[in-house]
């Protein structure tokens, strides 16, 4: 388990170096992790293999290894950005982020029922969650509680400094309802189930236990789902993609409608992960082996 000391050391180094040097340093650390973390590397490789198979792309072990290594490189950059960019403001966004589809958030908020933001462990989802508060939107994020309290506190403080209110996975259902009732944005990730309330669904052609939180809250509060992804470009700037809303139909049977919303959301996640596969930072088994 990575301790909070590792994160604090990483933060110190990332802030002490110029950005290009910090990226270069993260690349070296990522390579060490790639060659030393046999279990993590195997999981990432198998996840990528499933993605490529679903796209019916030709590949061999060499390609899988190259893509896996790039995932580790992307994770290193993700950490550098998380450590450095404490103060996200409009100037930073104007310089580094191209925003596509912000009108979807605005139009949905006009309904007064809140918005469920559906993302994935893709690109830099932490930084993506900080952009909306920097632009003046109220955002509450459902987050997985770390086993180590010190690590948990470290991440919570970083998120709070960026204007993100945290809601613990599985323990903050009432807070989720309140956030939507107050017309806030409720940020969720939908590419891996970390709770006990998942639902089996087809994801990249294979059955997996997937989180149903976004679909559940969308149906219960009649709140639109807006798929949201911050993806990195070759020059290390970003595109902030806010996709077309997925609208709930509360006249439908609850279970059937939650299922439909879940499948709609997974289809969008598949599209983005398929396009930005080396930015899919998934180090957990998504499908049962």
Protein backbone atom coordinates (compact mmCIF):
# COMPACT_ATOMS: atom_id res chain seq x y z
CA UNK A 1 0.00 0.00 0.00
CA UNK A 2 1.30 3.46 -0.91
CA UNK A 3 1.62 5.65 2.20
CA UNK A 4 0.84 9.32 2.58
CA UNK A 5 4.61 9.91 2.90
CA UNK A 6 4.97 8.83 -0.73
CA UNK A 7 2.33 11.33 -1.82
CA UNK A 8 3.84 14.13 0.25
CA UNK A 9 7.28 13.45 -1.18
CA UNK A 10 5.80 13.37 -4.67
CA UNK A 11 4.04 16.68 -4.03
CA UNK A 12 7.27 18.28 -2.82
CA UNK A 13 9.20 17.13 -5.90
CA UNK A 14 6.41 18.04 -8.34
CA UNK A 15 6.18 21.56 -6.93
CA UNK A 16 9.94 22.09 -6.68
CA UNK A 17 10.71 21.32 -10.32
CA UNK A 18 9.63 23.17 -13.48
CA UNK A 19 6.66 21.41 -15.05
CA UNK A 20 8.65 19.81 -17.89
CA UNK A 21 11.22 18.52 -15.40
CA UNK A 22 8.48 17.23 -13.14
CA UNK A 23 6.96 15.33 -16.06
CA UNK A 24 10.39 13.90 -16.90
CA UNK A 25 10.92 12.81 -13.31
CA UNK A 26 7.48 11.21 -13.19
CA UNK A 27 8.36 9.25 -16.32
CA UNK A 28 11.37 7.71 -14.60
CA UNK A 29 9.35 6.82 -11.50
CA UNK A 30 6.59 5.39 -13.69
CA UNK A 31 9.09 3.17 -15.49
CA UNK A 32 10.36 1.83 -12.17
CA UNK A 33 6.77 1.10 -11.14
CA UNK A 34 6.06 -0.52 -14.50
CA UNK A 35 8.97 -2.95 -14.25
CA UNK A 36 8.53 -3.69 -10.54
CA UNK A 37 4.75 -3.94 -10.17
CA UNK A 38 4.03 -7.33 -11.71
CA UNK A 39 0.47 -7.65 -10.43
CA UNK A 40 -0.56 -4.11 -11.38
CA UNK A 41 1.04 -4.44 -14.80
CA UNK A 42 -0.80 -7.68 -15.46
CA UNK A 43 -4.16 -6.17 -14.51
CA UNK A 44 -3.64 -3.12 -16.74
CA UNK A 45 -2.56 -5.35 -19.62
CA UNK A 46 -5.63 -7.57 -19.29
CA UNK A 47 -7.93 -4.55 -19.16
CA UNK A 48 -6.35 -3.18 -22.34
CA UNK A 49 -6.58 -6.58 -24.01
CA UNK A 50 -10.34 -6.61 -23.42
CA UNK A 51 -10.66 -3.10 -24.88
CA UNK A 52 -8.73 -4.05 -28.03
CA UNK A 53 -10.64 -7.30 -28.45
CA UNK A 54 -13.96 -5.48 -28.24
CA UNK A 55 -12.79 -3.09 -30.96
CA UNK A 56 -11.70 -6.09 -33.07
CA UNK A 57 -8.24 -4.62 -33.43
CA UNK A 58 -5.24 -6.77 -34.24
CA UNK A 59 -2.59 -6.84 -31.53
CA UNK A 60 0.18 -8.94 -30.11
CA UNK A 61 1.90 -9.11 -26.74
CA UNK A 62 4.38 -6.43 -27.77
CA UNK A 63 1.59 -3.94 -28.48
CA UNK A 64 -0.11 -4.76 -25.18
CA UNK A 65 3.18 -4.18 -23.35
CA UNK A 66 3.73 -0.84 -25.11
CA UNK A 67 0.21 0.35 -24.28
CA UNK A 68 0.57 -0.80 -20.67
CA UNK A 69 3.80 1.12 -20.31
CA UNK A 70 2.09 4.24 -21.68
CA UNK A 71 -0.67 3.86 -19.08
CA UNK A 72 2.01 4.00 -16.38
CA UNK A 73 3.46 7.13 -18.03
CA UNK A 74 0.01 8.73 -18.04
CA UNK A 75 -0.46 7.93 -14.37
CA UNK A 76 2.83 9.67 -13.56
CA UNK A 77 1.63 12.83 -15.33
CA UNK A 78 -1.73 12.58 -13.58
CA UNK A 79 -0.01 12.67 -10.19
CA UNK A 80 2.22 15.60 -11.16
CA UNK A 81 -0.84 17.59 -12.18
CA UNK A 82 -2.76 16.63 -9.06
CA UNK A 83 0.15 17.69 -6.86
CA UNK A 84 0.91 20.97 -8.65
CA UNK A 85 -2.37 22.48 -9.67
CA UNK A 86 -3.82 23.42 -6.30
CA UNK A 87 -5.17 26.75 -7.48
CA UNK A 88 -7.26 26.21 -10.56
CA UNK A 89 -8.54 29.54 -11.84
CA UNK A 90 -9.96 30.96 -15.05
CA UNK A 91 -6.51 32.03 -16.24
CA UNK A 92 -5.18 28.49 -15.91
CA UNK A 93 -8.24 27.11 -17.69
CA UNK A 94 -7.99 29.63 -20.52
CA UNK A 95 -4.33 28.74 -21.08
CA UNK A 96 -4.47 24.97 -20.67
CA UNK A 97 -8.02 23.69 -21.22
CA UNK A 98 -10.28 23.66 -24.25
CA UNK A 99 -13.86 23.23 -23.06
CA UNK A 100 -16.42 21.53 -25.30
CA UNK A 101 -20.08 21.27 -24.33
CA UNK A 102 -20.35 23.48 -21.25
CA UNK A 103 -23.78 24.51 -22.50
CA UNK A 104 -25.02 21.02 -21.64
CA UNK A 105 -24.33 21.68 -17.95
CA UNK A 106 -25.95 25.12 -18.12
CA UNK A 107 -29.08 23.88 -19.88
CA UNK A 108 -29.50 20.99 -17.46
CA UNK A 109 -29.04 23.18 -14.38
CA UNK A 110 -31.81 25.44 -15.66
CA UNK A 111 -34.18 22.54 -14.97
CA UNK A 112 -33.42 22.97 -11.27
CA UNK A 113 -32.92 19.27 -10.51
CA UNK A 114 -29.15 19.14 -10.38
CA UNK A 115 -26.81 17.29 -12.73
CA UNK A 116 -25.16 13.90 -12.35
CA UNK A 117 -21.68 14.13 -13.87
CA UNK A 118 -20.55 10.71 -15.10
CA UNK A 119 -16.82 10.26 -15.60
CA UNK A 120 -14.22 7.49 -15.54
CA UNK A 121 -10.65 6.94 -14.37
CA UNK A 122 -9.58 8.54 -17.62
CA UNK A 123 -7.19 11.41 -18.35
CA UNK A 124 -7.21 13.50 -15.18
CA UNK A 125 -10.62 13.18 -13.56
CA UNK A 126 -9.43 14.89 -10.37
CA UNK A 127 -8.39 17.99 -12.27
CA UNK A 128 -11.60 17.80 -14.28
CA UNK A 129 -13.64 17.92 -11.08
CA UNK A 130 -11.78 21.09 -10.05
CA UNK A 131 -12.51 22.95 -13.28
CA UNK A 132 -16.24 23.34 -12.75
CA UNK A 133 -15.92 24.89 -9.25
CA UNK A 134 -13.28 27.25 -10.67
CA UNK A 135 -15.90 28.41 -13.17
CA UNK A 136 -18.42 29.05 -10.41
CA UNK A 137 -20.39 25.78 -10.36
CA UNK A 138 -21.25 23.93 -7.14
CA UNK A 139 -19.86 20.39 -7.26
CA UNK A 140 -20.00 17.47 -4.83
CA UNK A 141 -17.91 14.40 -5.63
CA UNK A 142 -18.56 10.82 -4.54
CA UNK A 143 -15.19 9.41 -3.65
CA UNK A 144 -13.75 6.08 -2.59
CA UNK A 145 -12.45 6.16 0.96
CA UNK A 146 -8.81 5.08 1.21
CA UNK A 147 -7.90 2.42 3.75
CA UNK A 148 -5.16 4.61 5.24
CA UNK A 149 -6.65 7.59 7.08
CA UNK A 150 -3.60 9.77 6.42
CA UNK A 151 -3.83 9.15 2.67
CA UNK A 152 -7.55 9.83 2.81
CA UNK A 153 -6.96 13.16 4.55
CA UNK A 154 -4.25 14.12 2.07
CA UNK A 155 -6.55 13.66 -0.93
CA UNK A 156 -9.52 15.28 0.84
CA UNK A 157 -7.51 18.42 1.59
CA UNK A 158 -6.30 18.63 -2.01
CA UNK A 159 -9.84 18.32 -3.34
CA UNK A 160 -11.27 20.77 -0.83
CA UNK A 161 -8.62 23.32 -1.82
CA UNK A 162 -9.99 23.06 -5.36
CA UNK A 163 -13.55 23.69 -4.26
CA UNK A 164 -14.70 20.07 -4.42
CA UNK A 165 -16.94 18.78 -1.61
CA UNK A 166 -16.35 15.09 -0.84
CA UNK A 167 -19.03 12.46 -0.24
CA UNK A 168 -17.94 9.02 0.98
CA UNK A 169 -18.85 6.03 -1.16
CA UNK A 170 -21.79 4.10 0.29
CA UNK A 171 -22.18 6.34 3.35
CA UNK A 172 -23.38 9.61 1.85
CA UNK A 173 -26.60 8.75 0.02
CA UNK A 174 -28.52 11.48 1.83
CA UNK A 175 -25.81 14.00 0.94
CA UNK A 176 -26.06 12.97 -2.72
CA UNK A 177 -29.80 13.62 -2.73
CA UNK A 178 -29.23 16.95 -0.99
CA UNK A 179 -26.62 18.01 -3.54
CA UNK A 180 -29.00 17.40 -6.43
CA UNK A 181 -31.92 18.97 -4.56
CA UNK A 182 -29.76 22.10 -4.18
CA UNK A 183 -29.14 22.05 -7.95
CA UNK A 184 -25.47 21.11 -7.58
CA UNK A 185 -23.40 18.89 -9.85
CA UNK A 186 -22.91 15.41 -8.37
CA UNK A 187 -19.67 13.93 -9.72
CA UNK A 188 -19.45 10.15 -10.13
CA UNK A 189 -17.18 7.66 -11.87
CA UNK A 190 -18.76 4.71 -13.66
CA UNK A 191 -16.01 2.42 -14.93
CA UNK A 192 -15.43 0.20 -11.90
CA UNK A 193 -17.58 -0.92 -8.98
CA UNK A 194 -16.07 -0.19 -5.57
CA UNK A 195 -19.26 -0.72 -3.57
CA UNK A 196 -21.59 -3.64 -2.81
CA UNK A 197 -24.47 -2.28 -4.86
CA UNK A 198 -23.26 -2.88 -8.40
CA UNK A 199 -25.14 -4.39 -11.29
CA UNK A 200 -23.95 -6.84 -13.90
CA UNK A 201 -23.74 -5.20 -17.31
CA UNK A 202 -21.90 -5.61 -20.59
CA UNK A 203 -18.78 -3.44 -20.76
CA UNK A 204 -16.46 -3.77 -23.75
CA UNK A 205 -18.25 -6.95 -24.74
CA UNK A 206 -17.87 -8.76 -21.42
CA UNK A 207 -20.04 -8.93 -18.31
CA UNK A 208 -18.78 -6.95 -15.33
CA UNK A 209 -20.16 -5.70 -12.04
CA UNK A 210 -20.62 -1.99 -12.70
CA UNK A 211 -21.63 0.90 -10.42
CA UNK A 212 -25.25 2.01 -10.75
CA UNK A 213 -24.97 5.15 -8.61
CA UNK A 214 -25.17 7.67 -11.45
CA UNK A 215 -28.23 5.95 -12.95
CA UNK A 216 -29.86 5.54 -9.53
CA UNK A 217 -29.52 9.18 -8.50
CA UNK A 218 -30.52 10.34 -11.97
CA UNK A 219 -33.77 8.36 -11.82
CA UNK A 220 -34.63 9.14 -8.19
CA UNK A 221 -34.09 12.90 -8.60
CA UNK A 222 -35.06 13.19 -12.28
CA UNK A 223 -31.61 14.69 -12.84
CA UNK A 224 -29.87 14.59 -16.23
CA UNK A 225 -26.61 12.69 -16.58
CA UNK A 226 -23.81 14.59 -18.33
CA UNK A 227 -20.80 12.41 -19.28
CA UNK A 228 -17.69 14.44 -18.44
CA UNK A 229 -14.05 13.71 -19.30
CA UNK A 230 -10.80 15.68 -19.10
CA UNK A 231 -8.38 14.13 -21.60
CA UNK A 232 -4.76 15.07 -22.18
CA UNK A 233 -3.39 16.20 -25.52
CA UNK A 234 0.14 15.48 -26.88
CA UNK A 235 1.32 18.96 -25.74
CA UNK A 236 0.00 18.28 -22.20
CA UNK A 237 -2.90 20.67 -22.52
CA UNK A 238 -6.41 19.28 -22.06
CA UNK A 239 -9.78 18.96 -23.69
CA UNK A 240 -12.67 19.08 -21.23
CA UNK A 241 -15.47 17.14 -22.90
CA UNK A 242 -19.01 17.54 -21.58
CA UNK A 243 -21.08 15.15 -23.69
CA UNK A 244 -24.75 15.26 -24.59
CA UNK A 245 -27.03 14.74 -21.59
CA UNK A 246 -28.67 11.38 -20.90
CA UNK A 247 -32.18 12.23 -19.76
CA UNK A 248 -34.04 9.97 -17.31
CA UNK A 249 -37.63 8.92 -17.89
CA UNK A 250 -39.19 8.64 -14.44
CA UNK A 251 -42.44 7.34 -15.93
CA UNK A 252 -40.66 4.05 -16.61
CA UNK A 253 -40.29 1.22 -14.14
CA UNK A 254 -37.44 2.08 -11.75
CA UNK A 255 -35.31 -1.04 -12.31
CA UNK A 256 -35.77 -0.95 -16.07
CA UNK A 257 -34.95 2.74 -16.32
CA UNK A 258 -31.90 2.50 -14.08
CA UNK A 259 -30.72 -0.34 -16.30
CA UNK A 260 -31.23 1.77 -19.42
CA UNK A 261 -29.39 4.74 -17.93
CA UNK A 262 -26.54 2.49 -16.79
CA UNK A 263 -26.13 1.01 -20.27
CA UNK A 264 -26.31 4.44 -21.93
CA UNK A 265 -23.60 5.75 -19.62
CA UNK A 266 -21.35 2.74 -20.16
CA UNK A 267 -21.63 3.16 -23.93
CA UNK A 268 -20.24 6.72 -23.64
CA UNK A 269 -17.44 5.59 -21.32
CA UNK A 270 -16.54 2.84 -23.80
CA UNK A 271 -16.28 5.43 -26.56
CA UNK A 272 -13.88 7.68 -24.63
CA UNK A 273 -11.78 4.85 -23.18
CA UNK A 274 -11.51 3.34 -26.66
CA UNK A 275 -10.18 6.63 -28.04
CA UNK A 276 -7.88 7.45 -25.12
CA UNK A 277 -6.96 3.96 -23.99
CA UNK A 278 -3.48 4.82 -22.68
CA UNK A 279 -5.09 7.40 -20.40
CA UNK A 280 -7.41 4.82 -18.81
CA UNK A 281 -5.74 4.54 -15.40
CA UNK A 282 -7.50 1.40 -14.27
CA UNK A 283 -5.34 -0.70 -11.95
CA UNK A 284 -8.22 -2.86 -10.70
CA UNK A 285 -9.76 -5.92 -12.26
CA UNK A 286 -12.91 -4.79 -14.02
CA UNK A 287 -13.99 -8.20 -15.26
CA UNK A 288 -13.97 -11.42 -13.28
CA UNK A 289 -11.01 -13.52 -14.32
